[in-house]
Amino acid sequence: MAQTVINLSDPINTWVTKSNEMGADVGDLATLTDSAATLVHAINALDSDIGNLSSLTFKADASSLVAAINNLDDRFLETTDSAGVKAFFASSTSISLDSGTPVGARAQFSLADSGVTQGKIASGVISTEKIIDNAITLAKMADNSIGTSELLDSSITEAKIQLNTITSTSFKNAASVIIKNTAGTALKTIFGPGE
């Protein structure tokens, strides 16, 4: 809109009209939601609320509040699209802010079951203390992954040996004792370890 200018040659009624136009452009100070009594005070209060643009830590071209917000928006877009971000969170997730906790730990959310993949876990970050008892089951062990070096000396007890599983071929340096009758016929052969 054009700038309102009062000329010395303007008649009184034109002067009144232009003064009212300028008053309408400024607005009614009584409707300010700030406690400022003048337009200058209101602008200063707004400037104080916004803060110092030179303190922005965004990109160098953030010369205005709009540019700073756009830069923040760009950072999210550069990370991934909205569908990609939402996929990491459970459908019932609600993110809340607790100003009483340290910065960086205020958001509260739940990850979706499929949100944490092998590619998201850094090497060497899972220690034995992070694995709960009974978490390692037989199904989680690769075939032939347990050798004799993993067994305790006292771990193989009689109760762990299945019936009819040990034969003479399992003995070290197998030896045998043959029981014969008086005619020399073998009645029984007993096998055992030779040592």
N, C-alpha and C. Protein backbone atom coordinates (compact mmCIF):
# COMPACT_ATOMS: atom_id res chain seq x y z
N MET A 1 0.84 -1.19 0.00
CA MET A 1 0.00 0.00 0.00
C MET A 1 0.89 1.25 0.00
N ALA A 2 0.33 2.33 -0.52
CA ALA A 2 1.10 3.57 -0.63
C ALA A 2 1.30 4.21 0.74
N GLN A 3 2.42 4.93 0.89
CA GLN A 3 2.72 5.62 2.14
C GLN A 3 1.82 6.84 2.28
N THR A 4 1.26 7.03 3.48
CA THR A 4 0.40 8.19 3.74
C THR A 4 1.27 9.39 4.11
N VAL A 5 1.13 10.48 3.37
CA VAL A 5 1.92 11.70 3.61
C VAL A 5 0.98 12.88 3.78
N ILE A 6 1.18 13.65 4.84
CA ILE A 6 0.39 14.87 5.05
C ILE A 6 1.19 16.06 4.52
N ASN A 7 0.61 16.73 3.58
CA ASN A 7 1.26 17.91 2.98
C ASN A 7 0.80 19.18 3.68
N LEU A 8 1.67 20.20 3.67
CA LEU A 8 1.31 21.48 4.29
C LEU A 8 0.13 22.13 3.58
N SER A 9 -0.07 21.76 2.33
CA SER A 9 -1.16 22.36 1.54
C SER A 9 -2.48 21.64 1.73
N ASP A 10 -2.47 20.52 2.45
CA ASP A 10 -3.70 19.76 2.64
C ASP A 10 -4.68 20.53 3.51
N PRO A 11 -5.98 20.55 3.13
CA PRO A 11 -6.99 21.17 3.99
C PRO A 11 -7.19 20.33 5.25
N ILE A 12 -7.87 20.91 6.22
CA ILE A 12 -8.05 20.24 7.51
C ILE A 12 -8.74 18.89 7.37
N ASN A 13 -9.78 18.80 6.52
CA ASN A 13 -10.51 17.54 6.41
C ASN A 13 -9.63 16.44 5.81
N THR A 14 -8.73 16.81 4.87
CA THR A 14 -7.81 15.82 4.30
C THR A 14 -6.79 15.39 5.35
N TRP A 15 -6.33 16.35 6.14
CA TRP A 15 -5.39 16.07 7.23
C TRP A 15 -6.01 15.07 8.22
N VAL A 16 -7.27 15.32 8.57
CA VAL A 16 -7.97 14.42 9.50
C VAL A 16 -8.08 13.02 8.91
N THR A 17 -8.43 12.95 7.63
CA THR A 17 -8.59 11.65 6.97
C THR A 17 -7.27 10.87 6.96
N LYS A 18 -6.20 11.57 6.58
CA LYS A 18 -4.89 10.90 6.52
C LYS A 18 -4.42 10.48 7.92
N SER A 19 -4.67 11.29 8.93
CA SER A 19 -4.29 10.94 10.29
C SER A 19 -5.02 9.68 10.76
N ASN A 20 -6.30 9.61 10.41
CA ASN A 20 -7.08 8.42 10.77
C ASN A 20 -6.57 7.17 10.04
N GLU A 21 -6.14 7.37 8.77
CA GLU A 21 -5.59 6.24 8.01
C GLU A 21 -4.32 5.71 8.67
N MET A 22 -3.46 6.63 9.13
CA MET A 22 -2.23 6.20 9.79
C MET A 22 -2.54 5.51 11.12
N GLY A 23 -3.54 6.01 11.81
CA GLY A 23 -3.94 5.37 13.06
C GLY A 23 -4.47 3.96 12.82
N ALA A 24 -5.22 3.81 11.71
CA ALA A 24 -5.75 2.48 11.37
C ALA A 24 -4.62 1.52 10.99
N ASP A 25 -3.59 2.07 10.30
CA ASP A 25 -2.44 1.22 9.92
C ASP A 25 -1.69 0.73 11.15
N VAL A 26 -1.53 1.60 12.16
CA VAL A 26 -0.83 1.22 13.39
C VAL A 26 -1.66 0.24 14.21
N GLY A 27 -2.95 0.45 14.31
CA GLY A 27 -3.83 -0.41 15.09
C GLY A 27 -4.09 0.16 16.47
N ASP A 28 -4.91 -0.56 17.23
CA ASP A 28 -5.31 -0.14 18.57
C ASP A 28 -4.35 -0.74 19.60
N LEU A 29 -3.58 0.11 20.31
CA LEU A 29 -2.63 -0.38 21.31
C LEU A 29 -3.33 -1.15 22.43
N ALA A 30 -4.61 -0.85 22.65
CA ALA A 30 -5.34 -1.52 23.73
C ALA A 30 -5.54 -3.01 23.43
N THR A 31 -5.42 -3.39 22.15
CA THR A 31 -5.64 -4.79 21.78
C THR A 31 -4.34 -5.60 21.79
N LEU A 32 -3.20 -4.96 22.14
CA LEU A 32 -1.94 -5.69 22.22
C LEU A 32 -2.02 -6.74 23.32
N THR A 33 -1.52 -7.94 23.04
CA THR A 33 -1.50 -8.98 24.07
C THR A 33 -0.29 -8.84 24.98
N ASP A 34 0.61 -7.91 24.65
CA ASP A 34 1.75 -7.60 25.49
C ASP A 34 1.37 -6.42 26.36
N SER A 35 2.09 -6.22 27.45
CA SER A 35 1.78 -5.11 28.36
C SER A 35 2.40 -3.79 27.91
N ALA A 36 3.04 -3.77 26.73
CA ALA A 36 3.71 -2.56 26.24
C ALA A 36 2.70 -1.44 26.03
N ALA A 37 3.10 -0.22 26.43
CA ALA A 37 2.20 0.93 26.32
C ALA A 37 2.36 1.66 24.99
N THR A 38 3.43 1.39 24.27
CA THR A 38 3.64 2.05 22.98
C THR A 38 4.03 1.00 21.94
N LEU A 39 3.95 1.40 20.67
CA LEU A 39 4.30 0.51 19.58
C LEU A 39 5.79 0.12 19.66
N VAL A 40 6.63 1.08 20.04
CA VAL A 40 8.07 0.80 20.16
C VAL A 40 8.32 -0.25 21.23
N HIS A 41 7.65 -0.12 22.36
CA HIS A 41 7.81 -1.10 23.43
C HIS A 41 7.35 -2.48 22.99
N ALA A 42 6.25 -2.52 22.24
CA ALA A 42 5.72 -3.80 21.76
C ALA A 42 6.70 -4.48 20.81
N ILE A 43 7.30 -3.69 19.90
CA ILE A 43 8.28 -4.24 18.95
C ILE A 43 9.51 -4.74 19.69
N ASN A 44 9.97 -3.98 20.69
CA ASN A 44 11.13 -4.40 21.47
C ASN A 44 10.85 -5.69 22.24
N ALA A 45 9.63 -5.81 22.77
CA ALA A 45 9.27 -7.02 23.50
C ALA A 45 9.25 -8.22 22.57
N LEU A 46 8.73 -8.01 21.35
CA LEU A 46 8.70 -9.08 20.36
C LEU A 46 10.12 -9.48 19.96
N ASP A 47 10.98 -8.49 19.77
CA ASP A 47 12.36 -8.75 19.40
C ASP A 47 13.07 -9.53 20.50
N SER A 48 12.77 -9.19 21.75
CA SER A 48 13.39 -9.90 22.88
C SER A 48 12.93 -11.35 22.94
N ASP A 49 11.64 -11.58 22.64
CA ASP A 49 11.10 -12.94 22.65
C ASP A 49 11.73 -13.80 21.55
N ILE A 50 11.95 -13.19 20.39
CA ILE A 50 12.52 -13.94 19.25
C ILE A 50 13.98 -14.27 19.52
N GLY A 51 14.74 -13.33 20.09
CA GLY A 51 16.14 -13.56 20.38
C GLY A 51 17.06 -12.95 19.33
N ASN A 52 18.35 -13.13 19.54
CA ASN A 52 19.36 -12.55 18.67
C ASN A 52 19.67 -13.49 17.51
N LEU A 53 19.44 -13.07 16.27
CA LEU A 53 19.67 -13.91 15.10
C LEU A 53 21.13 -14.31 14.97
N SER A 54 22.04 -13.45 15.46
CA SER A 54 23.46 -13.77 15.35
C SER A 54 23.85 -14.96 16.23
N SER A 55 22.95 -15.34 17.16
CA SER A 55 23.25 -16.48 18.03
C SER A 55 22.77 -17.81 17.45
N LEU A 56 22.15 -17.77 16.27
CA LEU A 56 21.67 -18.99 15.64
C LEU A 56 22.84 -19.90 15.29
N THR A 57 22.67 -21.20 15.51
CA THR A 57 23.73 -22.16 15.18
C THR A 57 23.40 -22.94 13.91
N PHE A 58 22.41 -22.47 13.15
CA PHE A 58 22.06 -23.14 11.91
C PHE A 58 23.03 -22.74 10.80
N LYS A 59 22.64 -23.05 9.58
CA LYS A 59 23.48 -22.76 8.43
C LYS A 59 23.70 -21.26 8.27
N ALA A 60 24.72 -20.89 7.51
CA ALA A 60 25.13 -19.49 7.41
C ALA A 60 24.06 -18.59 6.80
N ASP A 61 23.15 -19.16 6.00
CA ASP A 61 22.15 -18.33 5.33
C ASP A 61 20.89 -18.12 6.16
N ALA A 62 20.93 -18.51 7.44
CA ALA A 62 19.76 -18.31 8.31
C ALA A 62 19.75 -16.88 8.84
N SER A 63 19.45 -15.95 7.96
CA SER A 63 19.49 -14.53 8.31
C SER A 63 18.17 -14.03 8.87
N SER A 64 17.16 -14.89 8.93
CA SER A 64 15.86 -14.51 9.48
C SER A 64 15.26 -15.70 10.19
N LEU A 65 14.20 -15.42 10.95
CA LEU A 65 13.55 -16.49 11.68
C LEU A 65 12.96 -17.53 10.73
N VAL A 66 12.40 -17.07 9.63
CA VAL A 66 11.84 -17.98 8.63
C VAL A 66 12.93 -18.86 8.03
N ALA A 67 14.08 -18.25 7.69
CA ALA A 67 15.19 -19.02 7.13
C ALA A 67 15.70 -20.06 8.12
N ALA A 68 15.74 -19.70 9.41
CA ALA A 68 16.20 -20.64 10.43
C ALA A 68 15.24 -21.82 10.54
N ILE A 69 13.95 -21.56 10.52
CA ILE A 69 12.95 -22.63 10.59
C ILE A 69 13.05 -23.52 9.36
N ASN A 70 13.25 -22.90 8.19
CA ASN A 70 13.40 -23.68 6.96
C ASN A 70 14.64 -24.56 7.02
N ASN A 71 15.72 -24.04 7.61
CA ASN A 71 16.93 -24.83 7.75
C ASN A 71 16.69 -26.04 8.64
N LEU A 72 15.92 -25.82 9.73
CA LEU A 72 15.60 -26.93 10.62
C LEU A 72 14.77 -27.97 9.88
N ASP A 73 13.83 -27.51 9.08
CA ASP A 73 13.01 -28.41 8.28
C ASP A 73 13.88 -29.19 7.31
N ASP A 74 14.86 -28.51 6.69
CA ASP A 74 15.77 -29.18 5.75
C ASP A 74 16.55 -30.27 6.43
N ARG A 75 16.96 -30.05 7.70
CA ARG A 75 17.75 -31.05 8.41
C ARG A 75 16.96 -32.34 8.59
N PHE A 76 15.67 -32.19 8.89
CA PHE A 76 14.85 -33.38 9.03
C PHE A 76 14.67 -34.09 7.70
N LEU A 77 14.47 -33.30 6.64
CA LEU A 77 14.26 -33.88 5.32
C LEU A 77 15.53 -34.56 4.82
N GLU A 78 16.69 -34.01 5.21
CA GLU A 78 17.93 -34.62 4.77
C GLU A 78 18.18 -35.96 5.46
N THR A 79 17.56 -36.14 6.65
CA THR A 79 17.73 -37.39 7.38
C THR A 79 16.96 -38.51 6.69
N THR A 80 15.68 -38.31 6.50
CA THR A 80 14.83 -39.28 5.81
C THR A 80 13.46 -38.66 5.64
N ASP A 81 12.60 -39.29 4.86
CA ASP A 81 11.25 -38.74 4.69
C ASP A 81 10.40 -39.12 5.90
N SER A 82 9.20 -38.52 5.99
CA SER A 82 8.37 -38.71 7.17
C SER A 82 7.97 -40.17 7.35
N ALA A 83 7.70 -40.87 6.25
CA ALA A 83 7.31 -42.27 6.36
C ALA A 83 8.45 -43.10 6.93
N GLY A 84 9.67 -42.75 6.55
CA GLY A 84 10.84 -43.47 7.06
C GLY A 84 11.03 -43.25 8.55
N VAL A 85 10.79 -42.01 9.00
CA VAL A 85 10.92 -41.70 10.42
C VAL A 85 9.84 -42.42 11.22
N LYS A 86 8.61 -42.36 10.74
CA LYS A 86 7.49 -42.98 11.46
C LYS A 86 7.65 -44.49 11.56
N ALA A 87 8.32 -45.08 10.59
CA ALA A 87 8.48 -46.53 10.60
C ALA A 87 9.34 -47.01 11.76
N PHE A 88 10.15 -46.11 12.33
CA PHE A 88 11.01 -46.49 13.46
C PHE A 88 10.25 -46.50 14.78
N PHE A 89 9.03 -45.97 14.82
CA PHE A 89 8.29 -45.85 16.06
C PHE A 89 7.05 -46.72 16.05
N ALA A 90 6.69 -47.22 17.23
CA ALA A 90 5.48 -48.03 17.35
C ALA A 90 4.26 -47.17 17.07
N SER A 91 3.19 -47.82 16.60
CA SER A 91 1.99 -47.07 16.21
C SER A 91 1.35 -46.36 17.40
N SER A 92 1.57 -46.86 18.61
CA SER A 92 0.98 -46.24 19.80
C SER A 92 1.89 -45.20 20.44
N THR A 93 2.97 -44.84 19.75
CA THR A 93 3.95 -43.93 20.32
C THR A 93 3.39 -42.52 20.48
N SER A 94 3.68 -41.92 21.62
CA SER A 94 3.42 -40.50 21.83
C SER A 94 4.70 -39.88 22.36
N ILE A 95 5.17 -38.83 21.69
CA ILE A 95 6.41 -38.18 22.10
C ILE A 95 6.07 -37.00 23.00
N SER A 96 6.62 -36.98 24.19
CA SER A 96 6.35 -35.91 25.15
C SER A 96 7.64 -35.21 25.52
N LEU A 97 7.52 -34.02 26.09
CA LEU A 97 8.69 -33.22 26.46
C LEU A 97 8.66 -32.94 27.95
N ASP A 98 9.75 -33.28 28.61
CA ASP A 98 9.87 -33.03 30.05
C ASP A 98 11.01 -32.03 30.24
N SER A 99 10.67 -30.78 30.56
CA SER A 99 11.68 -29.74 30.69
C SER A 99 12.59 -29.96 31.89
N GLY A 100 12.20 -30.88 32.78
CA GLY A 100 13.01 -31.12 33.97
C GLY A 100 14.18 -32.06 33.74
N THR A 101 14.23 -32.70 32.57
CA THR A 101 15.33 -33.62 32.28
C THR A 101 16.36 -32.92 31.43
N PRO A 102 17.60 -33.44 31.40
CA PRO A 102 18.65 -32.76 30.62
C PRO A 102 18.32 -32.69 29.14
N VAL A 103 18.87 -31.69 28.47
CA VAL A 103 18.69 -31.57 27.03
C VAL A 103 19.26 -32.80 26.36
N GLY A 104 18.51 -33.31 25.39
CA GLY A 104 18.96 -34.51 24.69
C GLY A 104 18.33 -35.77 25.25
N ALA A 105 17.64 -35.65 26.41
CA ALA A 105 17.00 -36.83 27.00
C ALA A 105 15.54 -36.54 27.33
N ARG A 106 14.95 -35.56 26.65
CA ARG A 106 13.59 -35.13 27.01
C ARG A 106 12.51 -35.91 26.27
N ALA A 107 12.79 -36.39 25.09
CA ALA A 107 11.76 -37.07 24.31
C ALA A 107 11.54 -38.48 24.85
N GLN A 108 10.29 -38.88 24.92
CA GLN A 108 9.95 -40.22 25.36
C GLN A 108 9.16 -40.90 24.26
N PHE A 109 9.60 -42.07 23.83
CA PHE A 109 8.95 -42.76 22.73
C PHE A 109 9.25 -44.24 22.80
N SER A 110 8.53 -45.02 22.00
CA SER A 110 8.74 -46.47 21.92
C SER A 110 9.08 -46.83 20.49
N LEU A 111 10.13 -47.62 20.31
CA LEU A 111 10.53 -48.05 18.97
C LEU A 111 9.67 -49.22 18.52
N ALA A 112 9.38 -49.25 17.23
CA ALA A 112 8.66 -50.38 16.66
C ALA A 112 9.55 -51.62 16.71
N ASP A 113 8.94 -52.82 16.72
CA ASP A 113 9.71 -54.05 16.79
C ASP A 113 10.70 -54.15 15.63
N SER A 114 10.30 -53.64 14.48
CA SER A 114 11.16 -53.74 13.29
C SER A 114 12.08 -52.53 13.15
N GLY A 115 12.06 -51.62 14.14
CA GLY A 115 12.84 -50.40 14.02
C GLY A 115 14.33 -50.60 14.25
N VAL A 116 14.68 -51.57 15.08
CA VAL A 116 16.10 -51.83 15.37
C VAL A 116 16.55 -53.04 14.55
N THR A 117 17.37 -52.79 13.56
CA THR A 117 17.89 -53.86 12.71
C THR A 117 19.37 -54.06 13.00
N GLN A 118 19.93 -55.11 12.44
CA GLN A 118 21.34 -55.40 12.65
C GLN A 118 22.22 -54.25 12.18
N GLY A 119 21.78 -53.59 11.09
CA GLY A 119 22.55 -52.48 10.56
C GLY A 119 22.58 -51.27 11.49
N LYS A 120 21.63 -51.18 12.45
CA LYS A 120 21.56 -50.06 13.38
C LYS A 120 22.38 -50.30 14.65
N ILE A 121 22.94 -51.51 14.81
CA ILE A 121 23.70 -51.84 16.02
C ILE A 121 25.19 -51.79 15.70
N ALA A 122 25.91 -50.94 16.41
CA ALA A 122 27.34 -50.81 16.17
C ALA A 122 28.08 -52.06 16.65
N SER A 123 29.20 -52.33 16.05
CA SER A 123 30.00 -53.49 16.44
C SER A 123 30.54 -53.32 17.86
N GLY A 124 30.49 -54.39 18.63
CA GLY A 124 31.07 -54.38 19.97
C GLY A 124 30.27 -53.67 21.03
N VAL A 125 28.97 -53.39 20.79
CA VAL A 125 28.19 -52.65 21.79
C VAL A 125 27.36 -53.57 22.69
N ILE A 126 27.19 -54.82 22.31
CA ILE A 126 26.40 -55.75 23.13
C ILE A 126 27.35 -56.60 23.96
N SER A 127 27.29 -56.45 25.27
CA SER A 127 28.14 -57.19 26.20
C SER A 127 27.31 -58.28 26.88
N THR A 128 27.99 -59.17 27.60
CA THR A 128 27.29 -60.27 28.26
C THR A 128 26.28 -59.78 29.29
N GLU A 129 26.56 -58.62 29.90
CA GLU A 129 25.62 -58.11 30.92
C GLU A 129 24.31 -57.63 30.31
N LYS A 130 24.29 -57.42 28.98
CA LYS A 130 23.07 -57.00 28.30
C LYS A 130 22.19 -58.18 27.90
N ILE A 131 22.71 -59.40 28.04
CA ILE A 131 21.95 -60.59 27.65
C ILE A 131 21.30 -61.17 28.89
N ILE A 132 19.98 -61.30 28.87
CA ILE A 132 19.28 -61.80 30.04
C ILE A 132 19.48 -63.31 30.17
N ASP A 133 19.28 -63.81 31.39
CA ASP A 133 19.38 -65.24 31.64
C ASP A 133 18.38 -65.99 30.77
N ASN A 134 18.78 -67.17 30.31
CA ASN A 134 17.94 -68.05 29.48
C ASN A 134 17.66 -67.49 28.09
N ALA A 135 18.37 -66.42 27.71
CA ALA A 135 18.16 -65.86 26.37
C ALA A 135 18.84 -66.69 25.28
N ILE A 136 19.94 -67.34 25.64
CA ILE A 136 20.66 -68.18 24.67
C ILE A 136 20.09 -69.59 24.73
N THR A 137 19.28 -69.96 23.76
CA THR A 137 18.66 -71.28 23.71
C THR A 137 19.36 -72.12 22.64
N LEU A 138 19.03 -73.40 22.60
CA LEU A 138 19.62 -74.30 21.61
C LEU A 138 19.36 -73.82 20.19
N ALA A 139 18.18 -73.23 19.97
CA ALA A 139 17.84 -72.74 18.63
C ALA A 139 18.74 -71.60 18.18
N LYS A 140 19.36 -70.88 19.16
CA LYS A 140 20.22 -69.76 18.83
C LYS A 140 21.67 -70.18 18.59
N MET A 141 21.98 -71.47 18.78
CA MET A 141 23.35 -71.95 18.62
C MET A 141 23.52 -72.58 17.24
N ALA A 142 24.58 -72.22 16.58
CA ALA A 142 24.87 -72.80 15.27
C ALA A 142 25.27 -74.25 15.43
N ASP A 143 24.99 -75.06 14.42
CA ASP A 143 25.39 -76.47 14.45
C ASP A 143 26.90 -76.58 14.61
N ASN A 144 27.31 -77.55 15.43
CA ASN A 144 28.74 -77.84 15.66
C ASN A 144 29.51 -76.64 16.24
N SER A 145 28.80 -75.77 16.96
CA SER A 145 29.47 -74.59 17.52
C SER A 145 30.07 -74.85 18.90
N ILE A 146 29.68 -75.96 19.55
CA ILE A 146 30.21 -76.29 20.88
C ILE A 146 31.16 -77.47 20.76
N GLY A 147 32.41 -77.26 21.10
CA GLY A 147 33.42 -78.31 21.07
C GLY A 147 33.80 -78.75 22.46
N THR A 148 34.77 -79.66 22.54
CA THR A 148 35.18 -80.17 23.85
C THR A 148 35.80 -79.09 24.72
N SER A 149 36.37 -78.06 24.10
CA SER A 149 37.00 -77.00 24.90
C SER A 149 35.98 -76.16 25.64
N GLU A 150 34.71 -76.17 25.19
CA GLU A 150 33.66 -75.40 25.88
C GLU A 150 33.02 -76.18 27.03
N LEU A 151 33.29 -77.47 27.15
CA LEU A 151 32.66 -78.29 28.18
C LEU A 151 33.52 -78.30 29.45
N LEU A 152 32.85 -78.18 30.59
CA LEU A 152 33.55 -78.30 31.87
C LEU A 152 33.97 -79.75 32.09
N ASP A 153 35.05 -79.94 32.82
CA ASP A 153 35.54 -81.30 33.08
C ASP A 153 34.48 -82.16 33.76
N SER A 154 33.68 -81.53 34.63
CA SER A 154 32.70 -82.30 35.40
C SER A 154 31.29 -82.23 34.80
N SER A 155 31.16 -81.72 33.58
CA SER A 155 29.82 -81.49 33.03
C SER A 155 29.18 -82.75 32.47
N ILE A 156 29.98 -83.76 32.06
CA ILE A 156 29.42 -85.01 31.52
C ILE A 156 29.27 -86.01 32.66
N THR A 157 28.07 -86.15 33.12
CA THR A 157 27.77 -87.07 34.22
C THR A 157 27.04 -88.30 33.68
N GLU A 158 26.87 -89.29 34.56
CA GLU A 158 26.17 -90.52 34.15
C GLU A 158 24.78 -90.22 33.64
N ALA A 159 24.13 -89.24 34.26
CA ALA A 159 22.76 -88.89 33.85
C ALA A 159 22.71 -88.31 32.43
N LYS A 160 23.83 -87.82 31.94
CA LYS A 160 23.86 -87.22 30.61
C LYS A 160 24.20 -88.24 29.52
N ILE A 161 24.49 -89.47 29.90
CA ILE A 161 24.84 -90.50 28.92
C ILE A 161 23.61 -91.35 28.63
N GLN A 162 23.20 -91.40 27.38
CA GLN A 162 22.02 -92.17 26.99
C GLN A 162 22.35 -93.66 27.01
N LEU A 163 21.37 -94.46 27.37
CA LEU A 163 21.55 -95.92 27.42
C LEU A 163 21.88 -96.46 26.03
N ASN A 164 22.75 -97.45 26.01
CA ASN A 164 23.11 -98.17 24.79
C ASN A 164 23.82 -97.29 23.77
N THR A 165 24.49 -96.23 24.24
CA THR A 165 25.20 -95.35 23.30
C THR A 165 26.70 -95.60 23.29
N ILE A 166 27.25 -96.23 24.34
CA ILE A 166 28.68 -96.50 24.40
C ILE A 166 28.95 -97.95 23.99
N THR A 167 29.73 -98.11 22.94
CA THR A 167 30.09 -99.44 22.45
C THR A 167 31.59 -99.64 22.64
N SER A 168 32.05 -100.87 22.35
CA SER A 168 33.46 -101.20 22.53
C SER A 168 34.37 -100.34 21.66
N THR A 169 33.85 -99.84 20.56
CA THR A 169 34.67 -99.01 19.67
C THR A 169 34.93 -97.63 20.27
N SER A 170 34.19 -97.28 21.35
CA SER A 170 34.37 -95.97 21.98
C SER A 170 35.46 -95.98 23.04
N PHE A 171 35.96 -97.19 23.41
CA PHE A 171 36.97 -97.27 24.46
C PHE A 171 38.34 -96.91 23.90
N LYS A 172 39.15 -96.28 24.73
CA LYS A 172 40.54 -95.99 24.37
C LYS A 172 41.37 -97.25 24.61
N ASN A 173 42.08 -97.67 23.56
CA ASN A 173 42.88 -98.89 23.64
C ASN A 173 42.03 -100.04 24.18
N ALA A 174 40.92 -100.28 23.46
CA ALA A 174 39.95 -101.29 23.92
C ALA A 174 40.62 -102.63 24.16
N ALA A 175 40.22 -103.27 25.25
CA ALA A 175 40.68 -104.62 25.60
C ALA A 175 39.47 -105.50 25.87
N SER A 176 39.63 -106.79 25.71
CA SER A 176 38.50 -107.69 25.92
C SER A 176 38.91 -108.88 26.77
N VAL A 177 37.94 -109.38 27.51
CA VAL A 177 38.11 -110.60 28.32
C VAL A 177 37.08 -111.62 27.83
N ILE A 178 37.56 -112.81 27.42
CA ILE A 178 36.66 -113.83 26.88
C ILE A 178 36.49 -114.94 27.93
N ILE A 179 35.26 -115.22 28.29
CA ILE A 179 34.95 -116.28 29.24
C ILE A 179 34.54 -117.53 28.44
N LYS A 180 35.24 -118.63 28.66
CA LYS A 180 34.99 -119.87 27.93
C LYS A 180 34.61 -120.99 28.90
N ASN A 181 33.93 -121.99 28.35
CA ASN A 181 33.63 -123.18 29.15
C ASN A 181 34.79 -124.17 29.07
N THR A 182 34.63 -125.32 29.68
CA THR A 182 35.71 -126.30 29.71
C THR A 182 36.03 -126.86 28.34
N ALA A 183 35.09 -126.72 27.45
CA ALA A 183 35.34 -127.22 26.09
C ALA A 183 36.04 -126.17 25.24
N GLY A 184 36.25 -124.98 25.81
CA GLY A 184 36.93 -123.93 25.06
C GLY A 184 36.01 -123.05 24.23
N THR A 185 34.70 -123.22 24.43
CA THR A 185 33.75 -122.40 23.68
C THR A 185 33.54 -121.06 24.40
N ALA A 186 33.58 -119.97 23.66
CA ALA A 186 33.39 -118.63 24.24
C ALA A 186 31.96 -118.45 24.69
N LEU A 187 31.79 -118.17 25.96
CA LEU A 187 30.45 -117.93 26.50
C LEU A 187 30.11 -116.43 26.59
N LYS A 188 31.13 -115.63 26.88
CA LYS A 188 30.86 -114.19 27.05
C LYS A 188 32.15 -113.43 26.76
N THR A 189 32.01 -112.31 26.07
CA THR A 189 33.15 -111.43 25.83
C THR A 189 32.87 -110.09 26.50
N ILE A 190 33.77 -109.68 27.35
CA ILE A 190 33.60 -108.42 28.08
C ILE A 190 34.65 -107.42 27.56
N PHE A 191 34.16 -106.22 27.16
CA PHE A 191 35.05 -105.21 26.64
C PHE A 191 35.24 -104.09 27.68
N GLY A 192 36.39 -103.45 27.61
CA GLY A 192 36.66 -102.32 28.48
C GLY A 192 37.85 -101.54 27.97
N PRO A 193 38.09 -100.34 28.54
CA PRO A 193 39.26 -99.57 28.11
C PRO A 193 40.53 -100.26 28.53
N GLY A 194 41.55 -100.15 27.69
CA GLY A 194 42.81 -100.82 27.97
C GLY A 194 43.68 -100.05 28.94
N GLU A 195 43.27 -98.85 29.31
CA GLU A 195 44.07 -98.05 30.25
C GLU A 195 43.25 -97.70 31.47
